[in-house]
Protein backbone atom coordinates (compact mmCIF):
# COMPACT_ATOMS: atom_id res chain seq x y z
CA MET A 1 -33.55 -1.08 -10.09
CA THR A 2 -35.63 -3.84 -11.81
CA ALA A 3 -35.65 -7.43 -10.61
CA GLU A 4 -33.68 -8.43 -13.72
CA SER A 5 -30.98 -5.84 -13.07
CA GLU A 6 -30.79 -6.87 -9.46
CA ARG A 7 -30.25 -10.52 -10.49
CA SER A 8 -27.64 -9.39 -13.00
CA ALA A 9 -25.82 -7.40 -10.30
CA ILE A 10 -25.88 -10.31 -7.90
CA THR A 11 -24.60 -12.66 -10.59
CA LEU A 12 -21.80 -10.25 -11.51
CA GLY A 13 -20.83 -9.85 -7.82
CA ARG A 14 -20.67 -13.59 -7.36
CA THR A 15 -18.64 -14.05 -10.52
CA LEU A 16 -16.12 -11.42 -9.45
CA ARG A 17 -15.75 -13.03 -6.01
CA VAL A 18 -15.09 -16.35 -7.66
CA VAL A 19 -12.53 -14.77 -10.01
CA ARG A 20 -10.81 -13.02 -7.09
CA VAL A 21 -10.63 -16.24 -5.07
CA VAL A 22 -9.27 -18.19 -8.04
CA LEU A 23 -6.61 -15.59 -8.80
CA LEU A 24 -5.60 -15.28 -5.12
CA ALA A 25 -5.38 -19.09 -4.83
CA SER A 26 -3.30 -19.21 -8.03
CA ALA A 27 -0.93 -16.54 -6.79
CA VAL A 28 -0.50 -18.24 -3.44
CA ALA A 29 -0.02 -21.60 -5.16
CA VAL A 30 2.66 -20.27 -7.43
CA ILE A 31 4.52 -18.59 -4.57
CA GLY A 32 4.17 -21.75 -2.41
CA ALA A 33 5.41 -23.99 -5.25
CA LEU A 34 8.43 -21.80 -5.88
CA LEU A 35 9.19 -21.68 -2.20
CA ILE A 36 8.87 -25.44 -1.71
CA THR A 37 10.82 -26.38 -4.80
CA ASN A 38 13.65 -23.93 -3.98
CA TRP A 39 13.53 -24.17 -0.19
CA SER A 40 16.87 -26.03 0.01
CA THR A 41 18.60 -23.12 -1.74
CA VAL A 42 16.57 -20.28 -0.13
CA TRP A 43 16.89 -21.50 3.47
CA PRO A 44 20.69 -20.94 3.80
CA TYR A 45 20.19 -17.29 2.78
CA LEU A 46 17.38 -16.85 5.29
CA ARG A 47 19.61 -18.20 8.01
CA ALA A 48 22.41 -15.92 6.89
CA ILE A 49 20.60 -12.74 7.90
CA PRO A 50 21.68 -11.74 11.46
CA PRO A 51 19.11 -10.83 14.10
CA GLY A 52 20.34 -7.21 14.15
CA VAL A 53 19.58 -6.87 10.41
CA LEU A 54 16.10 -8.28 10.93
CA VAL A 55 15.48 -5.73 13.71
CA LEU A 56 16.54 -2.90 11.42
CA ALA A 57 14.38 -4.20 8.63
CA PHE A 58 11.43 -4.53 11.01
CA ILE A 59 11.92 -0.85 12.08
CA GLY A 60 11.43 0.08 8.45
CA ALA A 61 8.34 -2.09 8.22
CA LEU A 62 6.91 -0.47 11.36
CA GLY A 63 7.73 3.09 10.22
CA SER A 64 5.87 2.90 6.91
CA PRO A 65 2.36 2.63 8.32
CA ILE A 66 3.01 5.37 10.91
CA LEU A 67 4.01 7.79 8.17
CA GLY A 68 1.03 6.71 6.13
CA VAL A 69 -1.45 7.53 8.92
CA LEU A 70 0.02 11.02 9.21
CA GLY A 71 -0.71 11.62 5.53
CA TRP A 72 -4.29 10.28 5.86
CA ARG A 73 -4.87 12.38 8.97
CA ALA A 74 -3.68 15.55 7.15
CA ILE A 75 -6.26 15.16 4.34
CA LEU A 76 -9.00 14.22 6.86
CA ALA A 77 -8.23 17.41 8.78
CA ASP A 78 -8.47 19.48 5.59
CA LEU A 79 -11.90 17.99 4.95
CA GLY A 80 -13.01 19.25 8.40
CA SER A 81 -12.35 16.43 10.85
CA ARG A 82 -9.14 16.94 12.80
CA LEU A 83 -8.56 13.65 14.68
CA PRO A 84 -6.04 13.43 17.49
CA LEU A 85 -3.23 10.99 16.69
CA ALA A 86 -4.41 8.20 18.99
CA PRO A 87 -7.93 7.78 17.48
CA ALA A 88 -6.55 8.37 14.01
CA CYS A 89 -4.15 5.45 14.52
CA GLY A 90 -7.01 3.33 15.93
CA VAL A 91 -9.13 3.90 12.84
CA PHE A 92 -6.36 3.74 10.18
CA PHE A 93 -4.46 0.71 11.40
CA ILE A 94 -7.47 -1.52 11.83
CA GLY A 95 -8.76 -0.44 8.42
CA GLN A 96 -5.40 -1.27 6.83
CA LEU A 97 -6.13 -4.96 7.41
CA GLY A 98 -8.81 -4.65 4.73
CA LYS A 99 -6.11 -4.63 2.08
CA TYR A 100 -5.55 -8.31 2.72
CA LEU A 101 -9.11 -9.11 1.55
CA PRO A 102 -9.79 -9.59 -2.17
CA GLY A 103 -11.01 -6.28 -3.57
CA SER A 104 -9.91 -2.68 -3.21
CA VAL A 105 -12.49 -1.03 -0.96
CA TRP A 106 -12.47 -2.96 2.30
CA THR A 107 -9.87 -0.71 3.84
CA VAL A 108 -12.13 2.32 3.30
CA VAL A 109 -15.20 0.43 4.43
CA MET A 110 -13.57 -0.55 7.74
CA GLN A 111 -12.13 2.92 8.35
CA THR A 112 -15.46 4.59 7.64
CA GLU A 113 -17.28 2.44 10.14
CA LEU A 114 -14.77 3.01 12.95
CA ALA A 115 -14.36 6.76 12.17
CA SER A 116 -18.06 7.31 12.37
CA ARG A 117 -17.95 6.22 16.03
CA VAL A 118 -15.56 9.05 16.85
CA GLY A 119 -17.74 11.64 15.15
CA VAL A 120 -16.26 11.74 11.66
CA PRO A 121 -18.89 11.87 8.94
CA ARG A 122 -18.77 8.82 6.70
CA LYS A 123 -18.50 10.93 3.58
CA ARG A 124 -15.26 12.53 4.81
CA THR A 125 -13.66 9.27 5.81
CA GLY A 126 -14.67 7.67 2.52
CA VAL A 127 -13.15 10.51 0.48
CA ALA A 128 -10.03 10.54 2.65
CA GLY A 129 -9.60 6.75 2.30
CA LEU A 130 -10.05 6.77 -1.48
CA LEU A 131 -7.69 9.73 -1.88
CA ALA A 132 -5.14 7.95 0.27
CA MET A 133 -5.24 4.91 -2.04
CA VAL A 134 -4.92 7.03 -5.13
CA LEU A 135 -2.15 9.23 -3.81
CA ALA A 136 -0.26 6.29 -2.33
CA LEU A 137 -0.32 4.72 -5.78
CA ILE A 138 0.72 7.94 -7.53
CA THR A 139 3.58 8.73 -5.17
CA GLY A 140 4.70 5.06 -5.24
CA VAL A 141 4.96 5.17 -9.06
CA VAL A 142 6.81 8.47 -9.02
CA VAL A 143 9.26 7.26 -6.37
CA GLY A 144 9.65 3.92 -8.16
CA LEU A 145 10.19 5.19 -11.73
CA PRO A 146 13.98 5.46 -11.42
CA ALA A 147 14.10 1.70 -10.93
CA ALA A 148 12.21 0.97 -14.14
CA PRO A 149 15.37 0.77 -16.35
CA LEU A 150 16.37 -2.27 -14.32
CA ILE A 151 13.30 -3.97 -15.77
CA VAL A 152 13.01 -2.62 -19.32
CA GLY A 153 16.71 -1.96 -19.86
CA SER A 154 16.22 1.44 -21.66
CA HIS A 155 17.36 4.45 -19.67
CA GLU A 156 16.46 7.04 -22.33
CA ARG A 157 12.86 5.92 -22.80
CA VAL A 158 12.41 5.50 -19.06
CA LEU A 159 13.69 9.04 -18.42
CA LEU A 160 11.31 10.47 -21.08
CA PHE A 161 8.38 8.40 -19.73
CA SER A 162 9.27 9.30 -16.15
CA GLY A 163 9.24 12.99 -16.94
CA LEU A 164 5.89 12.84 -18.69
CA ALA A 165 4.41 10.67 -15.95
CA VAL A 166 5.56 12.96 -13.14
CA VAL A 167 4.11 16.00 -14.95
CA ALA A 168 0.81 14.15 -15.63
CA MET A 169 0.55 12.99 -12.02
CA ALA A 170 1.36 16.40 -10.68
CA ILE A 171 -1.49 17.79 -12.81
CA VAL A 172 -3.93 15.13 -11.63
CA VAL A 173 -3.23 15.74 -7.89
CA SER A 174 -3.30 19.51 -8.19
CA PRO A 175 -6.43 20.96 -6.53
CA PRO A 176 -7.79 22.70 -9.72
CA VAL A 177 -8.00 19.20 -11.31
CA LEU A 178 -8.43 16.99 -8.23
CA ASN A 179 -11.38 18.85 -6.75
CA PRO A 180 -13.55 18.64 -9.88
CA LEU A 181 -12.71 14.91 -10.08
CA VAL A 182 -13.81 14.47 -6.45
CA ALA A 183 -16.99 16.40 -7.12
CA TRP A 184 -17.78 14.32 -10.17
CA GLY A 185 -17.19 11.14 -8.17
CA MET A 186 -19.52 12.33 -5.43
CA ARG A 187 -22.20 13.08 -7.95
CA ARG A 188 -21.80 9.64 -9.55
CA LEU A 189 -22.20 8.04 -6.13
CA GLY A 190 -25.25 10.14 -5.33
CA ARG A 191 -23.50 11.88 -2.46
CA GLU A 192 -23.54 15.51 -1.38
CA PRO A 193 -20.48 17.51 -2.44
CA LEU A 194 -17.66 18.27 0.02
CA GLU A 195 -18.13 21.28 2.39
CA HIS A 196 -15.10 22.91 0.81
CA PRO A 197 -12.51 22.03 -1.80
CA LEU A 198 -9.21 20.30 -0.92
CA SER A 199 -6.32 22.68 -0.39
CA LEU A 200 -2.88 22.52 -2.06
CA ARG A 201 -1.28 22.43 1.30
CA ALA A 202 -3.19 19.35 2.46
CA VAL A 203 -2.63 17.42 -0.75
CA GLY A 204 1.06 18.31 -0.73
CA THR A 205 1.38 17.26 2.92
CA MET A 206 -0.30 13.96 2.22
CA CYS A 207 1.98 13.28 -0.70
CA GLY A 208 5.05 14.25 1.39
CA TRP A 209 4.16 11.85 4.16
CA PHE A 210 3.49 9.07 1.66
CA VAL A 211 6.86 9.58 -0.04
CA LEU A 212 8.51 9.17 3.43
CA SER A 213 6.34 6.06 3.97
CA TRP A 214 7.67 4.58 0.76
CA ALA A 215 11.18 5.38 1.83
CA SER A 216 10.70 3.57 5.16
CA ALA A 217 9.34 0.52 3.34
CA GLY A 218 12.24 0.70 0.90
CA PHE A 219 14.63 0.77 3.82
CA LEU A 220 13.20 -2.58 4.89
CA CYS A 221 14.03 -4.05 1.48
CA TRP A 222 17.47 -2.37 1.29
CA VAL A 223 18.65 -3.64 4.68
CA LEU A 224 17.84 -7.23 3.66
CA ALA A 225 19.18 -6.94 0.12
CA ARG A 226 22.40 -5.34 1.23
CA GLN A 227 23.11 -8.31 3.53
CA LEU A 228 22.61 -10.91 0.76
CA ALA A 229 23.99 -8.99 -2.29
CA ASN A 230 26.97 -10.36 -4.23
CA PRO A 231 30.34 -8.95 -3.28
CA GLY A 232 31.44 -5.95 -5.30
CA VAL A 233 28.00 -4.95 -6.58
CA SER A 234 27.28 -1.23 -7.02
CA GLN A 235 25.78 -0.06 -3.75
CA GLY A 236 24.14 2.89 -5.54
CA SER A 237 22.41 0.63 -8.06
CA LEU A 238 21.42 -1.72 -5.26
CA ALA A 239 19.88 1.13 -3.30
CA VAL A 240 17.86 2.18 -6.41
CA ALA A 241 16.63 -1.40 -6.87
CA ALA A 242 15.69 -1.74 -3.18
CA PHE A 243 14.38 1.69 -2.20
CA MET A 244 12.75 2.73 -5.41
CA GLY A 245 12.17 -0.74 -6.70
CA PHE A 246 10.11 -1.69 -3.67
CA ALA A 247 7.84 1.35 -4.24
CA LEU A 248 7.47 0.43 -7.93
CA ALA A 249 6.75 -3.23 -7.20
CA SER A 250 4.24 -2.33 -4.47
CA SER A 251 2.51 0.17 -6.72
CA LEU A 252 2.14 -2.37 -9.53
CA GLY A 253 0.75 -4.76 -6.91
CA MET A 254 -1.79 -2.05 -5.88
CA LEU A 255 -3.03 -1.91 -9.48
CA SER A 256 -3.97 -5.57 -9.26
CA VAL A 257 -6.99 -4.64 -7.11
CA ILE A 258 -8.42 -8.14 -7.21
CA LEU A 259 -5.41 -9.58 -5.43
CA PRO A 260 -5.13 -8.70 -1.73
CA ALA A 261 -2.14 -6.48 -0.94
CA GLY A 262 -0.66 -7.19 -4.39
CA VAL A 263 0.22 -10.78 -3.45
CA GLY A 264 2.38 -12.30 -6.12
CA VAL A 265 2.73 -9.14 -8.22
CA ARG A 266 5.07 -7.32 -5.78
CA GLU A 267 7.17 -10.41 -5.30
CA ALA A 268 7.58 -11.10 -9.01
CA VAL A 269 8.65 -7.53 -9.79
CA LEU A 270 11.05 -7.44 -6.84
CA LEU A 271 12.66 -10.69 -7.96
CA VAL A 272 13.28 -9.21 -11.39
CA LEU A 273 14.83 -6.08 -9.81
CA LEU A 274 17.04 -7.88 -7.28
CA THR A 275 18.41 -10.83 -9.29
CA PRO A 276 21.06 -8.69 -11.09
CA PHE A 277 22.64 -8.10 -7.65
CA MET A 278 22.31 -11.55 -5.99
CA PRO A 279 21.40 -15.17 -6.75
CA LEU A 280 17.71 -15.94 -7.38
CA ALA A 281 17.54 -17.84 -4.05
CA ALA A 282 18.87 -14.86 -2.19
CA ALA A 283 16.43 -12.54 -3.90
CA SER A 284 13.62 -15.01 -2.98
CA ALA A 285 14.80 -14.80 0.63
CA VAL A 286 14.54 -10.98 0.53
CA VAL A 287 11.00 -10.88 -0.91
CA ILE A 288 9.82 -13.60 1.49
CA LEU A 289 11.13 -11.72 4.51
CA ALA A 290 9.96 -8.36 3.23
CA ARG A 291 6.39 -9.71 2.86
CA PHE A 292 6.53 -11.48 6.22
CA LEU A 293 7.86 -8.43 8.11
CA SER A 294 5.30 -6.14 6.42
CA ILE A 295 2.44 -8.40 7.46
CA VAL A 296 3.74 -8.59 11.03
CA ALA A 297 4.07 -4.81 11.21
CA ASP A 298 0.45 -4.40 9.98
CA LEU A 299 -0.71 -6.91 12.58
CA VAL A 300 1.23 -5.17 15.37
CA TRP A 301 -0.19 -1.75 14.57
CA ALA A 302 -3.70 -3.24 14.06
CA GLY A 303 -3.38 -4.85 17.48
CA VAL A 304 -2.45 -1.44 18.92
CA GLY A 305 -5.40 0.15 17.13
CA TRP A 306 -7.75 -2.61 18.26
CA LEU A 307 -6.78 -2.13 21.93
CA TRP A 308 -7.37 1.60 21.67
CA ALA A 309 -10.70 1.12 19.86
CA ARG A 310 -11.84 -1.54 22.39
CA ASN A 311 -10.94 0.63 25.36
CA HIS A 312 -12.86 3.49 23.87
CA HIS A 313 -15.84 1.40 22.88
CA LEU A 314 -15.60 1.95 19.13
CA TRP A 315 -16.63 -1.57 18.13
CA PRO A 316 -20.17 -2.02 16.88
CA GLY A 317 -22.28 -3.58 19.61
CA GLN A 318 -20.24 -2.14 22.49
CA ASP A 319 -22.10 0.17 24.88
CA GLU A 320 -21.25 3.80 24.58
CA ARG A 321 -19.85 5.50 27.67
């Protein structure tokens, strides 16, 4: 790389960091302004949620990451590194905090560093992490597609689009297509190819765990929405908006890679999905609590992972035993 190209790369990197910070600050500012200006109407709904409902919602928030690590662990095992559940959780949960940083690769970077200290080659962890992000997005979109008519208002077009999208996504994640894509990506990165191709069983297992993870996260949203919904609303439609809508909103948030954890995007989509079933202030209370409980769950599991990693001397700079 020439000196000029290096300077260009540095300038581009700095520009992207500035853009990310500005967008993140803008999203936080908008959410904060909406919360402050509507606090008097939102607060009564927050207070109206009983402690038992909050506990149930928090169980859903806690369950989603656990199911996610099982999917990540399955694909890592297929790549040749079968981690026991405890170290897998230690690596995965700490790495998950990377999603709260601007950008889309910090989760993989953190997981790769920790996994290397339990004997997992960096290449395998990197591939597993990137596949986890892609398959989480794909499964989230597939799970969330039935909620799309609540946004666009056209059931026929959504059904047609959903069918085509599901077929296209199934083709993309099938090993005959996925393995050449992974091999191409490895070549582009200047890395050695995988020791063996991904199996259909591993990819299917990972997708299955991710679907269950989305269901657990949707349960969090549904428990809260059900408590604050208007009397007489269709419980079936509300369940679609909460369970599947949460997956759709989160997936759209994942596409905004420059915003950490889809901040602002997920909340905006959820508000659109939930307002037909409750006042805007009540929907605001649901999205605020859903975000808060999700963050607390991530911090709880990261704390558990940190304790395990610390006790087993996985942190850089700690003496090996």
